[in-house]
C-alpha atoms as a PDB file:
ATOM      1  CA  MET A   1      98.872  18.199  99.305  1.00  0.00           C
ATOM      2  CA  ALA A   2      99.088  16.427  95.761  1.00  0.00           C
ATOM      3  CA  ALA A   3      98.376  19.010  93.273  1.00  0.00           C
ATOM      4  CA  VAL A   4      98.392  16.438  90.271  1.00  0.00           C
ATOM      5  CA  LYS A   5      96.261  13.347  90.334  1.00  0.00           C
ATOM      6  CA  PRO A   6      98.344  10.371  91.471  1.00  0.00           C
ATOM      7  CA  ASN A   7      98.716   7.178  89.757  1.00  0.00           C
ATOM      8  CA  SER A   8     100.033   5.347  92.787  1.00  0.00           C
ATOM      9  CA  ILE A   9     100.184   5.598  96.389  1.00  0.00           C
ATOM     10  CA  ASP A  10     103.808   6.418  96.266  1.00  0.00           C
ATOM     11  CA  GLU A  11     103.067   9.299  94.082  1.00  0.00           C
ATOM     12  CA  TYR A  12     100.186  10.276  96.217  1.00  0.00           C
ATOM     13  CA  ILE A  13     102.423  10.422  99.263  1.00  0.00           C
ATOM     14  CA  ALA A  14     105.183  12.217  97.379  1.00  0.00           C
ATOM     15  CA  GLY A  15     102.923  15.050  97.045  1.00  0.00           C
ATOM     16  CA  PHE A  16     103.142  15.884 100.790  1.00  0.00           C
ATOM     17  CA  PRO A  17     105.378  17.528 103.071  1.00  0.00           C
ATOM     18  CA  GLU A  18     108.247  15.170 104.340  1.00  0.00           C
ATOM     19  CA  ASN A  19     106.447  14.793 108.099  1.00  0.00           C
ATOM     20  CA  VAL A  20     103.169  14.032 106.402  1.00  0.00           C
ATOM     21  CA  GLN A  21     104.923  11.804 104.054  1.00  0.00           C
ATOM     22  CA  LYS A  22     106.200   9.739 107.182  1.00  0.00           C
ATOM     23  CA  ILE A  23     102.813   9.550 108.762  1.00  0.00           C
ATOM     24  CA  LEU A  24     101.130   8.376 105.461  1.00  0.00           C
ATOM     25  CA  GLN A  25     103.796   5.905 105.127  1.00  0.00           C
ATOM     26  CA  GLU A  26     103.060   4.612 108.551  1.00  0.00           C
ATOM     27  CA  VAL A  27      99.532   4.114 108.121  1.00  0.00           C
ATOM     28  CA  ARG A  28     100.029   2.321 104.767  1.00  0.00           C
ATOM     29  CA  MET A  29     102.431  -0.156 106.437  1.00  0.00           C
ATOM     30  CA  VAL A  30      99.921  -0.796 109.148  1.00  0.00           C
ATOM     31  CA  ILE A  31      97.283  -1.561 106.513  1.00  0.00           C
ATOM     32  CA  ARG A  32      99.718  -3.559 104.202  1.00  0.00           C
ATOM     33  CA  ASN A  33     100.558  -5.673 107.284  1.00  0.00           C
ATOM     34  CA  THR A  34      97.316  -6.108 108.476  1.00  0.00           C
ATOM     35  CA  ALA A  35      95.916  -7.147 105.145  1.00  0.00           C
ATOM     36  CA  PRO A  36      99.038  -8.446 103.165  1.00  0.00           C
ATOM     37  CA  GLU A  37      96.512  -9.854 100.423  1.00  0.00           C
ATOM     38  CA  ALA A  38      95.156  -6.607  99.782  1.00  0.00           C
ATOM     39  CA  VAL A  39      96.179  -4.736  96.507  1.00  0.00           C
ATOM     40  CA  GLU A  40      97.227  -1.303  96.588  1.00  0.00           C
ATOM     41  CA  THR A  41      95.617   1.482  94.191  1.00  0.00           C
ATOM     42  CA  ILE A  42      94.391   4.748  93.888  1.00  0.00           C
ATOM     43  CA  SER A  43      90.766   5.395  93.800  1.00  0.00           C
ATOM     44  CA  TYR A  44      88.738   8.733  94.439  1.00  0.00           C
ATOM     45  CA  ASP A  45      92.184  10.280  94.193  1.00  0.00           C
ATOM     46  CA  MET A  46      93.093   8.394  97.578  1.00  0.00           C
ATOM     47  CA  PRO A  47      95.268   5.646  98.572  1.00  0.00           C
ATOM     48  CA  THR A  48      93.009   2.556  98.510  1.00  0.00           C
ATOM     49  CA  PHE A  49      93.586  -1.335  99.403  1.00  0.00           C
ATOM     50  CA  ASN A  50      91.301  -3.638  97.498  1.00  0.00           C
ATOM     51  CA  LEU A  51      90.618  -6.996  98.607  1.00  0.00           C
ATOM     52  CA  ASP A  52      89.150  -9.527  96.412  1.00  0.00           C
ATOM     53  CA  GLY A  53      88.671  -6.959  93.732  1.00  0.00           C
ATOM     54  CA  LYS A  54      86.548  -4.298  96.072  1.00  0.00           C
ATOM     55  CA  TYR A  55      87.671  -1.652  98.272  1.00  0.00           C
ATOM     56  CA  LEU A  56      88.648  -2.487 101.830  1.00  0.00           C
ATOM     57  CA  VAL A  57      89.952   0.782 103.380  1.00  0.00           C
ATOM     58  CA  TYR A  58      90.960   4.304 101.947  1.00  0.00           C
ATOM     59  CA  PHE A  59      93.234   6.774 103.702  1.00  0.00           C
ATOM     60  CA  ALA A  60      93.870  10.259 102.853  1.00  0.00           C
ATOM     61  CA  GLY A  61      95.947  13.192 103.901  1.00  0.00           C
ATOM     62  CA  TRP A  62      94.619  16.596 104.763  1.00  0.00           C
ATOM     63  CA  LYS A  63      95.771  20.110 106.005  1.00  0.00           C
ATOM     64  CA  LYS A  64      95.663  19.093 109.561  1.00  0.00           C
ATOM     65  CA  HIS A  65      94.793  15.095 109.873  1.00  0.00           C
ATOM     66  CA  ILE A  66      94.826  12.047 108.052  1.00  0.00           C
ATOM     67  CA  ALA A  67      91.596  10.496 107.396  1.00  0.00           C
ATOM     68  CA  LEU A  68      90.636   6.705 107.240  1.00  0.00           C
ATOM     69  CA  TYR A  69      87.720   5.428 105.557  1.00  0.00           C
ATOM     70  CA  PRO A  70      85.294   3.763 105.924  1.00  0.00           C
ATOM     71  CA  VAL A  71      84.487   3.447 109.546  1.00  0.00           C
ATOM     72  CA  THR A  72      81.353   1.684 109.848  1.00  0.00           C
ATOM     73  CA  GLU A  73      78.684   1.699 112.477  1.00  0.00           C
ATOM     74  CA  LYS A  74      79.857  -1.734 113.730  1.00  0.00           C
ATOM     75  CA  ILE A  75      83.674  -0.138 114.264  1.00  0.00           C
ATOM     76  CA  PHE A  76      82.094   2.833 116.043  1.00  0.00           C
ATOM     77  CA  GLN A  77      80.216   0.404 118.359  1.00  0.00           C
ATOM     78  CA  LEU A  78      83.150  -1.876 118.925  1.00  0.00           C
ATOM     79  CA  PHE A  79      85.901   0.752 119.917  1.00  0.00           C
ATOM     80  CA  PRO A  80      83.706   3.811 121.273  1.00  0.00           C
ATOM     81  CA  GLY A  81      86.312   4.557 123.702  1.00  0.00           C
ATOM     82  CA  GLU A  82      89.191   4.417 121.331  1.00  0.00           C
ATOM     83  CA  LEU A  83      87.410   6.498 118.627  1.00  0.00           C
ATOM     84  CA  SER A  84      86.016   8.937 121.312  1.00  0.00           C
ATOM     85  CA  GLY A  85      88.993  11.067 121.140  1.00  0.00           C
ATOM     86  CA  TYR A  86      88.875  11.800 117.492  1.00  0.00           C
ATOM     87  CA  LYS A  87      86.794  13.697 114.923  1.00  0.00           C
ATOM     88  CA  GLY A  88      85.515  12.724 111.810  1.00  0.00           C
ATOM     89  CA  THR A  89      82.581  12.228 109.466  1.00  0.00           C
ATOM     90  CA  LYS A  90      79.523   9.393 109.481  1.00  0.00           C
ATOM     91  CA  GLY A  91      82.033   7.197 107.778  1.00  0.00           C
ATOM     92  CA  SER A  92      85.314   8.478 108.559  1.00  0.00           C
ATOM     93  CA  VAL A  93      87.866   9.081 111.507  1.00  0.00           C
ATOM     94  CA  HIS A  94      90.468  11.870 111.580  1.00  0.00           C
ATOM     95  CA  PHE A  95      93.697  11.267 113.056  1.00  0.00           C
ATOM     96  CA  PRO A  96      95.413  15.065 113.944  1.00  0.00           C
ATOM     97  CA  LEU A  97      98.976  15.398 112.264  1.00  0.00           C
ATOM     98  CA  ASN A  98     100.040  16.860 115.831  1.00  0.00           C
ATOM     99  CA  LYS A  99      99.528  13.869 117.623  1.00  0.00           C
ATOM    100  CA  PRO A 100     100.958  10.339 117.506  1.00  0.00           C
ATOM    101  CA  ILE A 101      99.262   7.913 114.822  1.00  0.00           C
ATOM    102  CA  PRO A 102      97.074   5.373 116.685  1.00  0.00           C
ATOM    103  CA  VAL A 103      98.811   2.425 114.948  1.00  0.00           C
ATOM    104  CA  GLU A 104      96.880  -0.207 116.915  1.00  0.00           C
ATOM    105  CA  LEU A 105      93.432   1.097 116.469  1.00  0.00           C
ATOM    106  CA  ILE A 106      94.135   1.240 112.663  1.00  0.00           C
ATOM    107  CA  ARG A 107      94.946  -2.166 112.781  1.00  0.00           C
ATOM    108  CA  LYS A 108      92.002  -3.231 114.742  1.00  0.00           C
ATOM    109  CA  ILE A 109      89.555  -1.221 112.257  1.00  0.00           C
ATOM    110  CA  VAL A 110      91.190  -2.846 109.306  1.00  0.00           C
ATOM    111  CA  GLU A 111      90.777  -6.297 110.951  1.00  0.00           C
ATOM    112  CA  GLN A 112      87.119  -5.273 111.606  1.00  0.00           C
ATOM    113  CA  LEU A 113      86.645  -4.280 108.031  1.00  0.00           C
ATOM    114  CA  ILE A 114      88.131  -7.777 106.789  1.00  0.00           C
ATOM    115  CA  VAL A 115      85.387  -9.589 108.996  1.00  0.00           C
ATOM    116  CA  GLU A 116      82.646  -7.488 107.981  1.00  0.00           C
ATOM    117  CA  ARG A 117      83.767  -8.120 104.183  1.00  0.00           C
ATOM    118  CA  GLN A 118      83.976 -11.859 104.905  1.00  0.00           C
ATOM    119  CA  ALA A 119      80.706 -11.823 106.512  1.00  0.00           C
ATOM    120  CA  VAL A 120      78.910 -10.022 103.459  1.00  0.00           C
ATOM    121  CA  GLU A 121      80.580 -12.518 101.138  1.00  0.00           C
ATOM    122  CA  SER A 122      79.903 -15.790 103.035  1.00  0.00           C
END
């Protein structure tokens, strides 16, 4: 895992073993393809996608999982079956490194985060 503070998502990902780098890149591409207008940055030492100047979604690599933040209460309500197989915290979901990354679920989460952002701004 990253020993120095990264200045970019590329630097962040480069700090992980090759097998984890591939997974982090996969998560990054799902987010990028789902929210192409979002801007990549690093915030709180984690890869972050900002939309309209505010954070949309973070992701991070850990020893045994990839975490996605925030996972809102609405997301937990919309996708209870899909999220039930994953651990996490009140505002995150953890995808284990030893299982396939649920690309479609990540896409749905990001789409919902965009919907929630638009609802707040309108």
